[in-house]
Amino acid sequence: MRRSIARMKLLCLITGLLSLCTTLLAQTNDVPQLVSVQKIWHGDTHNAFTDLIRFQGKWFCTFRESAVIAVKREW
């Protein structure tokens, strides 16, 4: 029982170190640069809560659009 716990601890330590090394190496090579700026949407009165993510080599932008800024609710 002690031997299997020791192996699990060692496996967790090695996995953590590999994950840390991978993260550090990725951070040194991925320096973003501003290449261009252009409007991608102007469909409604209010657009908010934007998010930008790169997935499988393509950029995706998500956001909320509405005709009003917020709806006041009576609780």
C-alpha atoms as a PDB file:
ATOM      1  CA  MET A   1       0.000   0.000   0.000  1.00  0.00           C
ATOM      2  CA  ARG A   2       2.786   2.448   0.914  1.00  0.00           C
ATOM      3  CA  ARG A   3       4.619   1.633  -2.283  1.00  0.00           C
ATOM      4  CA  SER A   4       1.586   2.472  -4.467  1.00  0.00           C
ATOM      5  CA  ILE A   5       1.045   5.773  -2.604  1.00  0.00           C
ATOM      6  CA  ALA A   6       4.701   6.681  -3.133  1.00  0.00           C
ATOM      7  CA  ARG A   7       4.391   5.864  -6.837  1.00  0.00           C
ATOM      8  CA  MET A   8       1.267   8.016  -7.142  1.00  0.00           C
ATOM      9  CA  LYS A   9       3.026  10.935  -5.436  1.00  0.00           C
ATOM     10  CA  LEU A  10       6.020  10.563  -7.752  1.00  0.00           C
ATOM     11  CA  LEU A  11       3.746  10.373 -10.797  1.00  0.00           C
ATOM     12  CA  CYS A  12       1.904  13.527  -9.692  1.00  0.00           C
ATOM     13  CA  LEU A  13       5.203  15.347  -9.146  1.00  0.00           C
ATOM     14  CA  ILE A  14       6.559  14.364 -12.566  1.00  0.00           C
ATOM     15  CA  THR A  15       3.277  15.316 -14.272  1.00  0.00           C
ATOM     16  CA  GLY A  16       3.272  18.692 -12.519  1.00  0.00           C
ATOM     17  CA  LEU A  17       6.877  19.416 -13.502  1.00  0.00           C
ATOM     18  CA  LEU A  18       6.226  18.467 -17.135  1.00  0.00           C
ATOM     19  CA  SER A  19       3.156  20.681 -17.195  1.00  0.00           C
ATOM     20  CA  LEU A  20       5.126  23.594 -15.736  1.00  0.00           C
ATOM     21  CA  CYS A  21       7.944  23.169 -18.266  1.00  0.00           C
ATOM     22  CA  THR A  22       5.480  23.026 -21.161  1.00  0.00           C
ATOM     23  CA  THR A  23       3.745  26.188 -19.947  1.00  0.00           C
ATOM     24  CA  LEU A  24       7.012  28.092 -19.551  1.00  0.00           C
ATOM     25  CA  LEU A  25       8.248  27.070 -22.994  1.00  0.00           C
ATOM     26  CA  ALA A  26       4.944  28.047 -24.628  1.00  0.00           C
ATOM     27  CA  GLN A  27       5.016  31.489 -23.005  1.00  0.00           C
ATOM     28  CA  THR A  28       8.442  32.366 -24.376  1.00  0.00           C
ATOM     29  CA  ASN A  29       7.479  31.616 -28.003  1.00  0.00           C
ATOM     30  CA  ASP A  30       3.952  33.074 -28.137  1.00  0.00           C
ATOM     31  CA  VAL A  31       4.330  36.854 -28.159  1.00  0.00           C
ATOM     32  CA  PRO A  32       1.238  38.492 -29.692  1.00  0.00           C
ATOM     33  CA  GLN A  33       1.673  41.351 -32.160  1.00  0.00           C
ATOM     34  CA  LEU A  34      -0.938  43.794 -33.428  1.00  0.00           C
ATOM     35  CA  VAL A  35      -1.078  43.321 -37.192  1.00  0.00           C
ATOM     36  CA  SER A  36      -4.255  45.192 -38.148  1.00  0.00           C
ATOM     37  CA  VAL A  37      -7.493  46.612 -36.777  1.00  0.00           C
ATOM     38  CA  GLN A  38     -10.871  46.424 -38.494  1.00  0.00           C
ATOM     39  CA  LYS A  39     -14.527  46.502 -37.495  1.00  0.00           C
ATOM     40  CA  ILE A  40     -15.991  43.009 -37.703  1.00  0.00           C
ATOM     41  CA  TRP A  41     -19.598  43.684 -36.667  1.00  0.00           C
ATOM     42  CA  HIS A  42     -22.062  46.539 -36.304  1.00  0.00           C
ATOM     43  CA  GLY A  43     -25.411  44.804 -36.313  1.00  0.00           C
ATOM     44  CA  ASP A  44     -27.233  46.157 -33.288  1.00  0.00           C
ATOM     45  CA  THR A  45     -27.311  49.126 -30.922  1.00  0.00           C
ATOM     46  CA  HIS A  46     -25.219  47.545 -28.155  1.00  0.00           C
ATOM     47  CA  ASN A  47     -22.462  44.945 -28.411  1.00  0.00           C
ATOM     48  CA  ALA A  48     -20.670  43.817 -25.239  1.00  0.00           C
ATOM     49  CA  PHE A  49     -18.912  41.025 -23.355  1.00  0.00           C
ATOM     50  CA  THR A  50     -16.420  40.270 -26.106  1.00  0.00           C
ATOM     51  CA  ASP A  51     -14.048  37.334 -26.056  1.00  0.00           C
ATOM     52  CA  LEU A  52     -11.334  36.353 -28.509  1.00  0.00           C
ATOM     53  CA  ILE A  53      -9.871  32.853 -28.759  1.00  0.00           C
ATOM     54  CA  ARG A  54      -7.629  30.985 -31.197  1.00  0.00           C
ATOM     55  CA  PHE A  55      -8.813  27.456 -32.003  1.00  0.00           C
ATOM     56  CA  GLN A  56      -7.227  25.100 -34.534  1.00  0.00           C
ATOM     57  CA  GLY A  57      -5.315  27.940 -36.182  1.00  0.00           C
ATOM     58  CA  LYS A  58      -8.319  30.277 -36.568  1.00  0.00           C
ATOM     59  CA  TRP A  59      -9.466  33.277 -34.502  1.00  0.00           C
ATOM     60  CA  PHE A  60     -13.011  33.362 -33.093  1.00  0.00           C
ATOM     61  CA  CYS A  61     -14.673  36.443 -31.602  1.00  0.00           C
ATOM     62  CA  THR A  62     -17.811  36.114 -29.488  1.00  0.00           C
ATOM     63  CA  PHE A  63     -20.002  38.827 -28.012  1.00  0.00           C
ATOM     64  CA  ARG A  64     -23.493  39.736 -26.865  1.00  0.00           C
ATOM     65  CA  GLU A  65     -25.659  42.030 -28.942  1.00  0.00           C
ATOM     66  CA  SER A  66     -28.866  43.750 -27.910  1.00  0.00           C
ATOM     67  CA  ALA A  67     -31.151  46.625 -28.776  1.00  0.00           C
ATOM     68  CA  VAL A  68     -30.833  47.884 -25.167  1.00  0.00           C
ATOM     69  CA  ILE A  69     -27.959  48.088 -22.693  1.00  0.00           C
ATOM     70  CA  ALA A  70     -29.700  46.291 -19.813  1.00  0.00           C
ATOM     71  CA  VAL A  71     -33.120  45.255 -18.697  1.00  0.00           C
ATOM     72  CA  LYS A  72     -34.204  46.473 -15.276  1.00  0.00           C
ATOM     73  CA  ARG A  73     -35.903  43.687 -13.349  1.00  0.00           C
ATOM     74  CA  GLU A  74     -38.202  44.045 -10.398  1.00  0.00           C
ATOM     75  CA  TRP A  75     -37.434  41.260  -7.872  1.00  0.00           C
END
